[in-house]
Structure formats: C-alpha cells, structure tokens
Amino acid sequence: MGRNFANGQSKIRRVAAVFGVGGLGVHAVQLLSMIGAAPVIAIDPLPTARSRALAAGADFALDPLDPNFAQLIAEASKGRGIDAAFDFAV
C-alpha cells in the first residue's frame, strides 16, 4: 500500500478523507471530487454537515463518534485505508 501524499497532495483514484466538513471542509470535498480522488470520505459529527458534504460530492459521510468508525473507514476504502487526510475540524 504505497502512500503518495507526504505534503497533502491528492491524486486520481486515491482515498481522501476530509475531517470537518463545515465551510472550508466542504470546499475541500468539492475540489477532491473534481480532481478525481475516490472515494472522498467526509467526516463530521454533525448530520447537517455530512448531508451537505454528500451533496457536494463526497462518496461517504461518516460520524467520527460512531463506535464502528474504523470499520466504516475500512469498508468505504475497500480495505485500503486513507491515502490523504485533510483536517478542517475546529
């Protein structure tokens, strides 16, 4: 499992996670979707933020407080894990 994101760069067909999908984070979701990162996983404890992220192009929207969070990440990434993580959480 090679990782190509030492400095926050994302590439096509790489798993990207955005932590905190408020104002800035939802823009990150849009940009990652536009450049072809896949899947784009939005992570936020607020249901409205997760819904907004899905509408903006996230493939998955997860609650970090879910007791099965690690399993949900594994399922969303098909066992590959996260290649690039972007933190916009407050």
Protein backbone atom coordinates (compact mmCIF):
# COMPACT_ATOMS: atom_id res chain seq x y z
CA MET A 1 0.00 0.00 0.00
CA GLY A 2 2.02 2.95 -1.23
CA ARG A 3 1.21 6.41 0.05
CA ASN A 4 1.79 9.39 -2.26
CA PHE A 5 0.62 12.21 -0.02
CA ALA A 6 3.57 13.35 2.05
CA ASN A 7 2.65 17.01 1.57
CA GLY A 8 -1.13 16.92 1.23
CA GLN A 9 -1.24 16.27 -2.50
CA SER A 10 -4.04 14.12 -3.78
CA LYS A 11 -4.23 12.12 -6.96
CA ILE A 12 -6.84 10.42 -9.06
CA ARG A 13 -8.38 7.26 -7.59
CA ARG A 14 -6.78 7.73 -4.16
CA VAL A 15 -8.75 7.57 -0.94
CA ALA A 16 -9.14 11.04 0.56
CA ALA A 17 -10.70 11.87 3.92
CA VAL A 18 -11.83 15.33 4.96
CA PHE A 19 -12.21 15.84 8.71
CA GLY A 20 -14.61 18.68 9.47
CA VAL A 21 -16.87 19.49 6.54
CA GLY A 22 -18.11 22.92 7.52
CA GLY A 23 -17.42 25.91 5.26
CA LEU A 24 -13.82 25.13 4.29
CA GLY A 25 -14.07 21.37 4.51
CA VAL A 26 -16.99 21.16 2.11
CA HIS A 27 -14.92 23.09 -0.43
CA ALA A 28 -12.15 20.52 0.01
CA VAL A 29 -14.70 17.80 -0.73
CA GLN A 30 -15.68 19.58 -3.95
CA LEU A 31 -12.08 20.03 -5.06
CA LEU A 32 -11.08 16.46 -4.26
CA SER A 33 -14.09 15.20 -6.22
CA MET A 34 -13.15 17.44 -9.15
CA ILE A 35 -9.58 16.12 -9.34
CA GLY A 36 -10.76 12.52 -9.20
CA ALA A 37 -9.86 11.41 -5.68
CA ALA A 38 -12.00 8.39 -4.94
CA PRO A 39 -13.57 7.67 -2.70
CA VAL A 40 -13.87 11.02 -0.93
CA ILE A 41 -14.84 10.39 2.69
CA ALA A 42 -16.34 13.29 4.64
CA ILE A 43 -16.05 13.01 8.42
CA ASP A 44 -18.06 15.21 10.77
CA PRO A 45 -20.14 14.67 13.92
CA LEU A 46 -22.93 16.95 12.65
CA PRO A 47 -25.62 15.30 10.48
CA THR A 48 -26.26 18.52 8.53
CA ALA A 49 -22.57 18.85 7.67
CA ARG A 50 -22.47 15.24 6.48
CA SER A 51 -25.55 15.78 4.29
CA ARG A 52 -24.01 18.93 2.80
CA ALA A 53 -20.80 17.02 2.06
CA LEU A 54 -22.70 14.29 0.23
CA ALA A 55 -24.48 16.94 -1.83
CA ALA A 56 -21.07 18.49 -2.63
CA GLY A 57 -19.65 15.25 -3.98
CA ALA A 58 -18.47 13.12 -1.06
CA ASP A 59 -18.84 9.40 -1.68
CA PHE A 60 -19.30 8.67 2.02
CA ALA A 61 -20.13 10.81 5.05
CA LEU A 62 -19.21 9.31 8.41
CA ASP A 63 -19.71 10.26 12.04
CA PRO A 64 -16.37 10.07 13.88
CA LEU A 65 -18.25 9.26 17.08
CA ASP A 66 -19.76 6.10 15.62
CA PRO A 67 -18.44 3.14 17.62
CA ASN A 68 -17.80 1.32 14.32
CA PHE A 69 -15.90 4.25 12.77
CA ALA A 70 -12.72 2.28 11.99
CA GLN A 71 -14.75 -0.48 10.34
CA LEU A 72 -16.72 2.09 8.31
CA ILE A 73 -13.46 3.63 7.05
CA ALA A 74 -12.22 0.17 6.08
CA GLU A 75 -15.45 -0.54 4.21
CA ALA A 76 -15.51 2.85 2.46
CA SER A 77 -11.89 2.43 1.34
CA LYS A 78 -12.33 -1.26 0.44
CA GLY A 79 -9.65 -2.11 3.00
CA ARG A 80 -7.03 0.26 1.54
CA GLY A 81 -7.20 2.85 4.29
CA ILE A 82 -6.81 6.58 3.79
CA ASP A 83 -4.18 7.87 1.36
CA ALA A 84 -4.64 11.56 2.18
CA ALA A 85 -6.29 13.24 5.16
CA PHE A 86 -7.31 16.88 5.30
CA ASP A 87 -8.19 18.36 8.70
CA PHE A 88 -10.67 21.24 8.79
CA ALA A 89 -12.14 20.32 12.17
CA VAL A 90 -12.33 23.04 14.78
